[in-house]
């Protein structure tokens, strides 16, 4: 009964993981000193640092701030993709019980 209700959860989860891995989002610091690219699984794909930037202490602060910003954005995307998956698996209205 639950197999029919939820479908093949393992396959659905695998499909979501693959989709998240394919999503890329980038974030630049306020004045473009650095850029960080991550995927939906929060794997850092690239970090670009402006070659003219020399203040190491400020660079460390910018890295932390920019990484936090990009992870916040990717969390929102993951949340939306997970909701879509739940909506497709559960009968009408039941997915609202989970968020």
Foldseek 3Di string as FASTA:
>chain_A
DVCQQQPPVVVLVVVLVVVQQPAKDKFAFPVRQKMWIATLVRDTDDIDGDPVDDDPVVVVVRVVVRSVVVVVVSVVVSVVSVLVSLPVRHPPPPSVVVD
